[in-house]
Structures are given as C-alpha cells and as structure tokens.
C-alpha cells in the first residue's frame, strides 16, 4: 500500500494497524471499502471505496472532510477557509 500511495504523493499516509483497529477506524470515519474480483479472470482485483480527503490538525485530530472528487480550486478554497485564510 505504501508504494501504491507514493505514486500519488509521498506525503499521503495509508491506513494501517490490526484488523480490529482498521475496522474501528473505518466505522468512525464512515468509509466504505470492498475488494472485488476483476473481470479479466486473472488474479487482479479492484477495490471500490469512498474517496474523501480528511483534514487533520498537527496533533492528528480530525478537523473536517471534503469529497475526493472536488476540483483543485474547490479543495484550495476549502483549505483556506478551514485554516482561517479565506480572504487570501
């Protein structure tokens, strides 16, 4: 998972832990993930999942969430608002 995420951005941190910890976090953050067999008949698979961007504070506490399908401009505006920089 770490190598896969690095292909997007090296700063992205993937979820890890025991299965119980992951299950609790999935429930707490209200996400969906399901592994599905690929139609090509091989050993590949697809993962259907929610796509949210979670904003966490420097202490690791949840601040807010935005849909992962938001545009770059929407995300930038959202971050400026959340950081109290809305007029900049």
C-alpha atoms as a PDB file:
ATOM      1  CA  UNK A   1       0.000   0.000   0.000  1.00  0.00           C
ATOM      2  CA  UNK A   2       2.820   2.419   0.833  1.00  0.00           C
ATOM      3  CA  UNK A   3       4.368   2.086  -2.641  1.00  0.00           C
ATOM      4  CA  UNK A   4       0.984   2.486  -4.300  1.00  0.00           C
ATOM      5  CA  UNK A   5       0.258   5.678  -2.374  1.00  0.00           C
ATOM      6  CA  UNK A   6       3.688   7.136  -3.189  1.00  0.00           C
ATOM      7  CA  UNK A   7       2.673   7.103  -6.846  1.00  0.00           C
ATOM      8  CA  UNK A   8       0.151   9.830  -5.951  1.00  0.00           C
ATOM      9  CA  UNK A   9       2.141  11.852  -3.407  1.00  0.00           C
ATOM     10  CA  UNK A  10       4.837  10.857  -0.929  1.00  0.00           C
ATOM     11  CA  UNK A  11       3.033  12.744   1.858  1.00  0.00           C
ATOM     12  CA  UNK A  12      -0.048  10.501   1.773  1.00  0.00           C
ATOM     13  CA  UNK A  13      -0.183   8.127   4.717  1.00  0.00           C
ATOM     14  CA  UNK A  14      -2.112   4.885   4.286  1.00  0.00           C
ATOM     15  CA  UNK A  15      -4.237   3.338   6.991  1.00  0.00           C
ATOM     16  CA  UNK A  16      -2.502   0.536   8.861  1.00  0.00           C
ATOM     17  CA  UNK A  17      -2.921  -1.390  12.087  1.00  0.00           C
ATOM     18  CA  UNK A  18      -4.528  -4.561  13.325  1.00  0.00           C
ATOM     19  CA  UNK A  19      -7.746  -5.668  11.620  1.00  0.00           C
ATOM     20  CA  UNK A  20      -9.695  -4.564  14.715  1.00  0.00           C
ATOM     21  CA  UNK A  21      -8.070  -1.100  14.626  1.00  0.00           C
ATOM     22  CA  UNK A  22      -8.785  -0.739  10.914  1.00  0.00           C
ATOM     23  CA  UNK A  23     -12.401  -1.884  11.357  1.00  0.00           C
ATOM     24  CA  UNK A  24     -12.950   0.660  14.151  1.00  0.00           C
ATOM     25  CA  UNK A  25     -11.404   3.462  12.091  1.00  0.00           C
ATOM     26  CA  UNK A  26     -13.489   2.562   9.019  1.00  0.00           C
ATOM     27  CA  UNK A  27     -16.599   2.778  11.194  1.00  0.00           C
ATOM     28  CA  UNK A  28     -15.534   6.011  12.936  1.00  0.00           C
ATOM     29  CA  UNK A  29     -14.749   7.805   9.664  1.00  0.00           C
ATOM     30  CA  UNK A  30     -17.778   6.284   7.899  1.00  0.00           C
ATOM     31  CA  UNK A  31     -15.900   4.908   4.911  1.00  0.00           C
ATOM     32  CA  UNK A  32     -16.707   2.028   2.601  1.00  0.00           C
ATOM     33  CA  UNK A  33     -14.228  -0.369   1.023  1.00  0.00           C
ATOM     34  CA  UNK A  34     -14.838  -3.611  -0.813  1.00  0.00           C
ATOM     35  CA  UNK A  35     -12.419  -5.883  -2.666  1.00  0.00           C
ATOM     36  CA  UNK A  36     -13.896  -7.134  -5.930  1.00  0.00           C
ATOM     37  CA  UNK A  37     -12.562  -9.646  -8.441  1.00  0.00           C
ATOM     38  CA  UNK A  38     -11.553  -8.128 -11.756  1.00  0.00           C
ATOM     39  CA  UNK A  39     -13.485  -9.050 -14.894  1.00  0.00           C
ATOM     40  CA  UNK A  40     -10.294 -10.157 -16.679  1.00  0.00           C
ATOM     41  CA  UNK A  41     -10.346 -13.573 -14.973  1.00  0.00           C
ATOM     42  CA  UNK A  42      -6.801 -13.219 -13.599  1.00  0.00           C
ATOM     43  CA  UNK A  43      -5.531 -12.721 -10.093  1.00  0.00           C
ATOM     44  CA  UNK A  44      -6.097  -8.983 -10.197  1.00  0.00           C
ATOM     45  CA  UNK A  45      -8.753  -7.268  -8.149  1.00  0.00           C
ATOM     46  CA  UNK A  46     -10.383  -3.892  -7.778  1.00  0.00           C
ATOM     47  CA  UNK A  47     -11.133  -2.008  -4.592  1.00  0.00           C
ATOM     48  CA  UNK A  48     -14.311   0.035  -4.530  1.00  0.00           C
ATOM     49  CA  UNK A  49     -14.121   2.700  -1.844  1.00  0.00           C
ATOM     50  CA  UNK A  50     -15.279   6.097  -0.724  1.00  0.00           C
ATOM     51  CA  UNK A  51     -12.958   8.932  -1.640  1.00  0.00           C
ATOM     52  CA  UNK A  52     -12.784  11.634   0.956  1.00  0.00           C
ATOM     53  CA  UNK A  53      -9.957  13.970   1.860  1.00  0.00           C
ATOM     54  CA  UNK A  54      -9.655  14.271   5.627  1.00  0.00           C
ATOM     55  CA  UNK A  55      -8.123  17.362   7.171  1.00  0.00           C
ATOM     56  CA  UNK A  56      -6.290  16.602  10.389  1.00  0.00           C
ATOM     57  CA  UNK A  57      -4.641  19.067  12.761  1.00  0.00           C
ATOM     58  CA  UNK A  58      -0.931  18.812  13.686  1.00  0.00           C
ATOM     59  CA  UNK A  59      -1.873  16.607  16.675  1.00  0.00           C
ATOM     60  CA  UNK A  60      -3.649  14.130  14.379  1.00  0.00           C
ATOM     61  CA  UNK A  61      -7.201  15.070  15.380  1.00  0.00           C
ATOM     62  CA  UNK A  62      -9.967  15.219  12.785  1.00  0.00           C
ATOM     63  CA  UNK A  63     -10.920  18.719  11.597  1.00  0.00           C
ATOM     64  CA  UNK A  64     -13.170  18.295   8.546  1.00  0.00           C
ATOM     65  CA  UNK A  65     -13.721  16.333   5.331  1.00  0.00           C
ATOM     66  CA  UNK A  66     -14.286  17.111   1.654  1.00  0.00           C
ATOM     67  CA  UNK A  67     -15.309  14.838  -1.223  1.00  0.00           C
ATOM     68  CA  UNK A  68     -12.331  13.447  -3.081  1.00  0.00           C
ATOM     69  CA  UNK A  69     -13.910  14.420  -6.395  1.00  0.00           C
ATOM     70  CA  UNK A  70     -13.658  18.133  -5.633  1.00  0.00           C
ATOM     71  CA  UNK A  71     -11.629  20.205  -8.066  1.00  0.00           C
ATOM     72  CA  UNK A  72      -8.229  21.596  -7.136  1.00  0.00           C
ATOM     73  CA  UNK A  73      -9.706  25.088  -6.844  1.00  0.00           C
ATOM     74  CA  UNK A  74     -12.503  23.819  -4.578  1.00  0.00           C
ATOM     75  CA  UNK A  75     -10.011  21.996  -2.360  1.00  0.00           C
ATOM     76  CA  UNK A  76      -7.744  25.055  -2.168  1.00  0.00           C
ATOM     77  CA  UNK A  77     -10.690  27.304  -1.213  1.00  0.00           C
ATOM     78  CA  UNK A  78     -11.833  24.746   1.372  1.00  0.00           C
ATOM     79  CA  UNK A  79      -8.356  24.558   2.891  1.00  0.00           C
ATOM     80  CA  UNK A  80      -8.034  28.354   3.026  1.00  0.00           C
ATOM     81  CA  UNK A  81     -11.416  28.537   4.803  1.00  0.00           C
ATOM     82  CA  UNK A  82     -10.529  25.770   7.261  1.00  0.00           C
ATOM     83  CA  UNK A  83      -7.185  27.393   8.020  1.00  0.00           C
ATOM     84  CA  UNK A  84      -8.760  30.812   8.552  1.00  0.00           C
ATOM     85  CA  UNK A  85      -7.187  32.232   5.386  1.00  0.00           C
ATOM     86  CA  UNK A  86     -10.434  32.703   3.424  1.00  0.00           C
ATOM     87  CA  UNK A  87      -9.612  36.244   2.263  1.00  0.00           C
ATOM     88  CA  UNK A  88      -6.152  35.422   0.931  1.00  0.00           C
END
